[in-house]
Amino acid sequence: MRKLKETPLSALDAIFTRRSVRSYQHQKVDADTIRALLDAAVQAPTAVHMEPWSFVVVQNDAMLKRYSDAAKASWVQDAAKYEALHVPKLGRGFAARVGDPAFSIFYDAGTLIVICARPLGPFVEADCWLAAENLMLAASALGLGTCCIGSAVPVLNKPDVKSELGIPDDAKAVVPIIVGVPAGAVKDVPRKAPAILSWKK
């Protein structure tokens, strides 16, 4: 693991420089850094203080490949349904890439963090996504890259995979996030201006 930035970014710098990274140096994030990211995640807002989140960390290359292959097989079956989600400006569309045996949905990152939740109330998934944003911003501040991998969710919620990962029957995987050292410079991606529907004074 490379030495992280000695001076973390400010909150606003982390927000405005965070990008979804899809190319990584193949190395594992060290345990202390992962714990620091999880500590940041659980500082997120949580409805009625439920704190419904729990975490799974996967750094086993064989498991990551197996989950990637299973997710790709599932997406090949549903390619037409999801084709519009992956636009050409990001390179070859996701639907086309899943047919490549060498392509990993985890982009060869060595660390996957899965945020899980029990169905304790109507806002548990929102809480998990808030925790995910905290984790990603903390990673950005430390010079690491992240990317949410939504296509992994169905595989991670299969009974056999949940059992392998220690996810209880009454819990589910909500947000899979890869974390690692970017393989190169990350391009800036412009955002549209906020669409303000109304502003009543």
C-alpha atoms as a PDB file:
ATOM      1  CA  MET A   1       0.000   0.000   0.000  1.00  0.00           C
ATOM      2  CA  ARG A   2       1.403   3.373  -0.941  1.00  0.00           C
ATOM      3  CA  LYS A   3       1.781   6.145   1.604  1.00  0.00           C
ATOM      4  CA  LEU A   4      -1.398   8.197   1.757  1.00  0.00           C
ATOM      5  CA  LYS A   5      -1.515  11.954   1.512  1.00  0.00           C
ATOM      6  CA  GLU A   6      -0.056  13.507   4.626  1.00  0.00           C
ATOM      7  CA  THR A   7      -2.526  16.384   4.604  1.00  0.00           C
ATOM      8  CA  PRO A   8      -6.078  15.175   3.921  1.00  0.00           C
ATOM      9  CA  LEU A   9      -8.301  17.318   1.724  1.00  0.00           C
ATOM     10  CA  SER A  10     -10.856  19.687   3.191  1.00  0.00           C
ATOM     11  CA  ALA A  11     -14.482  18.524   3.110  1.00  0.00           C
ATOM     12  CA  LEU A  12     -15.292  20.729   0.119  1.00  0.00           C
ATOM     13  CA  ASP A  13     -12.148  19.645  -1.741  1.00  0.00           C
ATOM     14  CA  ALA A  14     -13.099  15.996  -1.176  1.00  0.00           C
ATOM     15  CA  ILE A  15     -16.630  16.615  -2.452  1.00  0.00           C
ATOM     16  CA  PHE A  16     -15.533  18.430  -5.591  1.00  0.00           C
ATOM     17  CA  THR A  17     -12.650  16.089  -6.466  1.00  0.00           C
ATOM     18  CA  ARG A  18     -14.338  12.739  -5.709  1.00  0.00           C
ATOM     19  CA  ARG A  19     -14.926  10.747  -8.876  1.00  0.00           C
ATOM     20  CA  SER A  20     -15.911   7.164  -9.658  1.00  0.00           C
ATOM     21  CA  VAL A  21     -12.616   5.433 -10.419  1.00  0.00           C
ATOM     22  CA  ARG A  22     -12.643   2.531 -12.883  1.00  0.00           C
ATOM     23  CA  SER A  23      -8.937   1.707 -13.138  1.00  0.00           C
ATOM     24  CA  TYR A  24      -6.828   0.627 -10.162  1.00  0.00           C
ATOM     25  CA  GLN A  25      -3.389  -0.503  -9.203  1.00  0.00           C
ATOM     26  CA  HIS A  26      -3.968  -4.075  -8.078  1.00  0.00           C
ATOM     27  CA  GLN A  27      -3.132  -3.838  -4.413  1.00  0.00           C
ATOM     28  CA  LYS A  28      -5.054  -4.219  -1.217  1.00  0.00           C
ATOM     29  CA  VAL A  29      -5.979  -1.355   1.078  1.00  0.00           C
ATOM     30  CA  ASP A  30      -4.386  -1.947   4.481  1.00  0.00           C
ATOM     31  CA  ALA A  31      -6.503  -2.853   7.511  1.00  0.00           C
ATOM     32  CA  ASP A  32      -5.930   0.422   9.385  1.00  0.00           C
ATOM     33  CA  THR A  33      -7.122   2.454   6.402  1.00  0.00           C
ATOM     34  CA  ILE A  34     -10.207   0.268   5.992  1.00  0.00           C
ATOM     35  CA  ARG A  35     -11.074   0.729   9.663  1.00  0.00           C
ATOM     36  CA  ALA A  36     -10.636   4.485   9.283  1.00  0.00           C
ATOM     37  CA  LEU A  37     -13.014   4.477   6.301  1.00  0.00           C
ATOM     38  CA  LEU A  38     -15.585   2.455   8.253  1.00  0.00           C
ATOM     39  CA  ASP A  39     -15.257   4.844  11.195  1.00  0.00           C
ATOM     40  CA  ALA A  40     -16.053   7.685   8.782  1.00  0.00           C
ATOM     41  CA  ALA A  41     -18.986   5.751   7.303  1.00  0.00           C
ATOM     42  CA  VAL A  42     -20.751   5.290  10.633  1.00  0.00           C
ATOM     43  CA  GLN A  43     -20.668   9.032  11.337  1.00  0.00           C
ATOM     44  CA  ALA A  44     -23.384   9.422   8.692  1.00  0.00           C
ATOM     45  CA  PRO A  45     -26.876  10.659   9.566  1.00  0.00           C
ATOM     46  CA  THR A  46     -29.231   7.848  10.512  1.00  0.00           C
ATOM     47  CA  ALA A  47     -33.025   7.929  10.844  1.00  0.00           C
ATOM     48  CA  VAL A  48     -34.184   7.724  14.493  1.00  0.00           C
ATOM     49  CA  HIS A  49     -30.625   6.693  15.338  1.00  0.00           C
ATOM     50  CA  MET A  50     -31.147   3.154  14.009  1.00  0.00           C
ATOM     51  CA  GLU A  51     -27.572   2.782  12.688  1.00  0.00           C
ATOM     52  CA  PRO A  52     -28.758  -0.165  10.574  1.00  0.00           C
ATOM     53  CA  TRP A  53     -25.500  -0.698   8.719  1.00  0.00           C
ATOM     54  CA  SER A  54     -22.964  -3.494   8.935  1.00  0.00           C
ATOM     55  CA  PHE A  55     -19.983  -4.159   6.710  1.00  0.00           C
ATOM     56  CA  VAL A  56     -18.293  -6.935   4.768  1.00  0.00           C
ATOM     57  CA  VAL A  57     -14.739  -6.543   3.462  1.00  0.00           C
ATOM     58  CA  VAL A  58     -13.576  -8.789   0.619  1.00  0.00           C
ATOM     59  CA  GLN A  59      -9.907  -8.829  -0.394  1.00  0.00           C
ATOM     60  CA  ASN A  60      -9.761 -12.394  -1.680  1.00  0.00           C
ATOM     61  CA  ASP A  61      -8.930 -12.320  -5.400  1.00  0.00           C
ATOM     62  CA  ALA A  62     -10.605 -15.647  -6.166  1.00  0.00           C
ATOM     63  CA  MET A  63     -13.856 -14.561  -4.491  1.00  0.00           C
ATOM     64  CA  LEU A  64     -13.860 -11.218  -6.288  1.00  0.00           C
ATOM     65  CA  LYS A  65     -13.387 -12.974  -9.635  1.00  0.00           C
ATOM     66  CA  ARG A  66     -16.132 -15.471  -8.877  1.00  0.00           C
ATOM     67  CA  TYR A  67     -18.594 -12.737  -7.907  1.00  0.00           C
ATOM     68  CA  SER A  68     -17.639 -10.695 -10.955  1.00  0.00           C
ATOM     69  CA  ASP A  69     -18.149 -13.656 -13.286  1.00  0.00           C
ATOM     70  CA  ALA A  70     -21.539 -14.427 -11.718  1.00  0.00           C
ATOM     71  CA  ALA A  71     -22.647 -10.797 -12.026  1.00  0.00           C
ATOM     72  CA  LYS A  72     -21.532 -10.654 -15.668  1.00  0.00           C
ATOM     73  CA  ALA A  73     -23.462 -13.817 -16.492  1.00  0.00           C
ATOM     74  CA  SER A  74     -26.564 -12.305 -14.932  1.00  0.00           C
ATOM     75  CA  TRP A  75     -26.138  -9.058 -16.831  1.00  0.00           C
ATOM     76  CA  VAL A  76     -25.658 -10.835 -20.161  1.00  0.00           C
ATOM     77  CA  GLN A  77     -29.172 -12.233 -19.725  1.00  0.00           C
ATOM     78  CA  ASP A  78     -30.573  -8.774 -18.990  1.00  0.00           C
ATOM     79  CA  ALA A  79     -28.323  -6.748 -21.331  1.00  0.00           C
ATOM     80  CA  ALA A  80     -31.132  -5.330 -23.452  1.00  0.00           C
ATOM     81  CA  LYS A  81     -33.048  -4.187 -20.382  1.00  0.00           C
ATOM     82  CA  TYR A  82     -30.091  -2.260 -18.941  1.00  0.00           C
ATOM     83  CA  GLU A  83     -28.279  -1.146 -22.092  1.00  0.00           C
ATOM     84  CA  ALA A  84     -29.294   2.505 -21.724  1.00  0.00           C
ATOM     85  CA  LEU A  85     -27.684   2.724 -18.280  1.00  0.00           C
ATOM     86  CA  HIS A  86     -24.137   2.573 -19.643  1.00  0.00           C
ATOM     87  CA  VAL A  87     -23.419   5.299 -22.129  1.00  0.00           C
ATOM     88  CA  PRO A  88     -20.726   5.168 -24.848  1.00  0.00           C
ATOM     89  CA  LYS A  89     -18.943   8.285 -23.551  1.00  0.00           C
ATOM     90  CA  LEU A  90     -17.513   6.132 -20.745  1.00  0.00           C
ATOM     91  CA  GLY A  91     -15.858   3.850 -23.303  1.00  0.00           C
ATOM     92  CA  ARG A  92     -17.368   0.607 -24.549  1.00  0.00           C
ATOM     93  CA  GLY A  93     -20.775   0.168 -22.964  1.00  0.00           C
ATOM     94  CA  PHE A  94     -21.007  -2.002 -19.879  1.00  0.00           C
ATOM     95  CA  ALA A  95     -23.361  -4.381 -21.668  1.00  0.00           C
ATOM     96  CA  ALA A  96     -20.644  -5.035 -24.264  1.00  0.00           C
ATOM     97  CA  ARG A  97     -17.819  -5.379 -21.749  1.00  0.00           C
ATOM     98  CA  VAL A  98     -19.512  -8.042 -19.645  1.00  0.00           C
ATOM     99  CA  GLY A  99     -18.923 -10.460 -22.509  1.00  0.00           C
ATOM    100  CA  ASP A 100     -15.144 -10.066 -22.135  1.00  0.00           C
ATOM    101  CA  PRO A 101     -13.767 -12.847 -19.889  1.00  0.00           C
ATOM    102  CA  ALA A 102     -10.939 -10.542 -18.768  1.00  0.00           C
ATOM    103  CA  PHE A 103     -13.254  -7.737 -17.657  1.00  0.00           C
ATOM    104  CA  SER A 104     -13.930  -7.443 -13.935  1.00  0.00           C
ATOM    105  CA  ILE A 105     -16.942  -5.519 -12.689  1.00  0.00           C
ATOM    106  CA  PHE A 106     -14.663  -4.558  -9.789  1.00  0.00           C
ATOM    107  CA  TYR A 107     -12.150  -3.001 -12.205  1.00  0.00           C
ATOM    108  CA  ASP A 108      -9.305  -5.062 -10.686  1.00  0.00           C
ATOM    109  CA  ALA A 109      -9.485  -3.201  -7.378  1.00  0.00           C
ATOM    110  CA  GLY A 110      -8.140  -5.378  -4.574  1.00  0.00           C
ATOM    111  CA  THR A 111     -10.699  -4.318  -1.957  1.00  0.00           C
ATOM    112  CA  LEU A 112     -14.490  -4.481  -1.923  1.00  0.00           C
ATOM    113  CA  ILE A 113     -16.487  -3.052   0.986  1.00  0.00           C
ATOM    114  CA  VAL A 114     -20.152  -4.050   1.120  1.00  0.00           C
ATOM    115  CA  ILE A 115     -22.532  -2.004   3.250  1.00  0.00           C
ATOM    116  CA  CYS A 116     -25.360  -4.210   4.476  1.00  0.00           C
ATOM    117  CA  ALA A 117     -28.602  -3.504   6.339  1.00  0.00           C
ATOM    118  CA  ARG A 118     -31.313  -5.235   8.264  1.00  0.00           C
ATOM    119  CA  PRO A 119     -34.894  -4.180   7.442  1.00  0.00           C
ATOM    120  CA  LEU A 120     -35.440  -2.274  10.689  1.00  0.00           C
ATOM    121  CA  GLY A 121     -37.471   0.534   9.190  1.00  0.00           C
ATOM    122  CA  PRO A 122     -38.337   2.464   6.017  1.00  0.00           C
ATOM    123  CA  PHE A 123     -35.096   4.452   5.874  1.00  0.00           C
ATOM    124  CA  VAL A 124     -32.388   1.815   6.305  1.00  0.00           C
ATOM    125  CA  GLU A 125     -31.304   1.856   2.663  1.00  0.00           C
ATOM    126  CA  ALA A 126     -31.077   5.655   2.711  1.00  0.00           C
ATOM    127  CA  ASP A 127     -28.944   5.395   5.853  1.00  0.00           C
ATOM    128  CA  CYS A 128     -26.613   2.946   4.087  1.00  0.00           C
ATOM    129  CA  TRP A 129     -26.227   5.278   1.101  1.00  0.00           C
ATOM    130  CA  LEU A 130     -25.422   8.159   3.451  1.00  0.00           C
ATOM    131  CA  ALA A 131     -22.765   5.963   5.077  1.00  0.00           C
ATOM    132  CA  ALA A 132     -21.461   5.106   1.603  1.00  0.00           C
ATOM    133  CA  GLU A 133     -21.017   8.764   0.706  1.00  0.00           C
ATOM    134  CA  ASN A 134     -19.109   9.367   3.947  1.00  0.00           C
ATOM    135  CA  LEU A 135     -16.841   6.422   3.146  1.00  0.00           C
ATOM    136  CA  MET A 136     -16.209   7.599  -0.416  1.00  0.00           C
ATOM    137  CA  LEU A 137     -15.463  11.172   0.634  1.00  0.00           C
ATOM    138  CA  ALA A 138     -13.076   9.956   3.329  1.00  0.00           C
ATOM    139  CA  ALA A 139     -11.323   7.757   0.766  1.00  0.00           C
ATOM    140  CA  SER A 140     -11.045  10.699  -1.629  1.00  0.00           C
ATOM    141  CA  ALA A 141      -9.568  12.848   1.119  1.00  0.00           C
ATOM    142  CA  LEU A 142      -6.915  10.162   1.652  1.00  0.00           C
ATOM    143  CA  GLY A 143      -6.013   9.954  -2.034  1.00  0.00           C
ATOM    144  CA  LEU A 144      -7.878   6.712  -2.708  1.00  0.00           C
ATOM    145  CA  GLY A 145     -10.397   5.965  -5.438  1.00  0.00           C
ATOM    146  CA  THR A 146     -13.825   4.396  -5.042  1.00  0.00           C
ATOM    147  CA  CYS A 147     -16.731   3.295  -7.206  1.00  0.00           C
ATOM    148  CA  CYS A 148     -20.164   1.924  -6.329  1.00  0.00           C
ATOM    149  CA  ILE A 149     -20.775  -1.372  -8.127  1.00  0.00           C
ATOM    150  CA  GLY A 150     -24.536  -1.712  -8.350  1.00  0.00           C
ATOM    151  CA  SER A 151     -24.315  -4.666 -10.736  1.00  0.00           C
ATOM    152  CA  ALA A 152     -22.880  -6.764  -7.890  1.00  0.00           C
ATOM    153  CA  VAL A 153     -25.937  -6.384  -5.627  1.00  0.00           C
ATOM    154  CA  PRO A 154     -27.997  -9.333  -6.965  1.00  0.00           C
ATOM    155  CA  VAL A 155     -25.048 -11.730  -6.680  1.00  0.00           C
ATOM    156  CA  LEU A 156     -24.122 -10.544  -3.187  1.00  0.00           C
ATOM    157  CA  ASN A 157     -27.695 -11.215  -2.062  1.00  0.00           C
ATOM    158  CA  LYS A 158     -27.822 -14.806  -3.282  1.00  0.00           C
ATOM    159  CA  PRO A 159     -28.278 -17.134  -0.271  1.00  0.00           C
ATOM    160  CA  ASP A 160     -25.029 -19.040  -0.845  1.00  0.00           C
ATOM    161  CA  VAL A 161     -22.995 -15.845  -1.234  1.00  0.00           C
ATOM    162  CA  LYS A 162     -24.590 -14.266   1.827  1.00  0.00           C
ATOM    163  CA  SER A 163     -23.701 -17.386   3.784  1.00  0.00           C
ATOM    164  CA  GLU A 164     -20.112 -17.289   2.515  1.00  0.00           C
ATOM    165  CA  LEU A 165     -19.785 -13.617   3.462  1.00  0.00           C
ATOM    166  CA  GLY A 166     -21.424 -13.954   6.863  1.00  0.00           C
ATOM    167  CA  ILE A 167     -24.422 -11.787   5.961  1.00  0.00           C
ATOM    168  CA  PRO A 168     -27.364 -12.901   8.150  1.00  0.00           C
ATOM    169  CA  ASP A 169     -30.545 -14.175   6.516  1.00  0.00           C
ATOM    170  CA  ASP A 170     -32.479 -11.126   7.725  1.00  0.00           C
ATOM    171  CA  ALA A 171     -29.946  -8.664   6.260  1.00  0.00           C
ATOM    172  CA  LYS A 172     -29.113  -7.672   2.703  1.00  0.00           C
ATOM    173  CA  ALA A 173     -26.236  -6.177   0.755  1.00  0.00           C
ATOM    174  CA  VAL A 174     -27.148  -2.599  -0.177  1.00  0.00           C
ATOM    175  CA  VAL A 175     -24.018  -0.773  -1.369  1.00  0.00           C
ATOM    176  CA  PRO A 176     -20.910  -2.539  -2.771  1.00  0.00           C
ATOM    177  CA  ILE A 177     -17.965  -0.114  -3.035  1.00  0.00           C
ATOM    178  CA  ILE A 178     -14.555  -0.865  -4.462  1.00  0.00           C
ATOM    179  CA  VAL A 179     -11.645   0.998  -2.891  1.00  0.00           C
ATOM    180  CA  GLY A 180      -8.063   1.306  -4.033  1.00  0.00           C
ATOM    181  CA  VAL A 181      -5.232   3.322  -5.470  1.00  0.00           C
ATOM    182  CA  PRO A 182      -6.153   4.784  -8.879  1.00  0.00           C
ATOM    183  CA  ALA A 183      -4.003   3.483 -11.734  1.00  0.00           C
ATOM    184  CA  GLY A 184      -3.628   6.986 -13.159  1.00  0.00           C
ATOM    185  CA  ALA A 185      -5.031  10.470 -13.165  1.00  0.00           C
ATOM    186  CA  VAL A 186      -8.802  10.571 -12.852  1.00  0.00           C
ATOM    187  CA  LYS A 187     -10.565  12.758 -15.375  1.00  0.00           C
ATOM    188  CA  ASP A 188     -12.784  15.555 -14.194  1.00  0.00           C
ATOM    189  CA  VAL A 189     -16.436  14.851 -14.994  1.00  0.00           C
ATOM    190  CA  PRO A 190     -18.589  17.978 -15.313  1.00  0.00           C
ATOM    191  CA  ARG A 191     -21.946  18.096 -13.610  1.00  0.00           C
ATOM    192  CA  LYS A 192     -25.071  19.885 -14.706  1.00  0.00           C
ATOM    193  CA  ALA A 193     -26.076  22.949 -12.720  1.00  0.00           C
ATOM    194  CA  PRO A 194     -28.608  22.211  -9.955  1.00  0.00           C
ATOM    195  CA  ALA A 195     -32.156  22.001 -11.336  1.00  0.00           C
ATOM    196  CA  ILE A 196     -34.113  24.174  -8.909  1.00  0.00           C
ATOM    197  CA  LEU A 197     -37.793  23.408  -9.309  1.00  0.00           C
ATOM    198  CA  SER A 198     -38.931  26.211  -7.039  1.00  0.00           C
ATOM    199  CA  TRP A 199     -37.565  28.742  -4.553  1.00  0.00           C
ATOM    200  CA  LYS A 200     -40.312  30.284  -2.525  1.00  0.00           C
ATOM    201  CA  LYS A 201     -39.630  33.309  -0.355  1.00  0.00           C
END
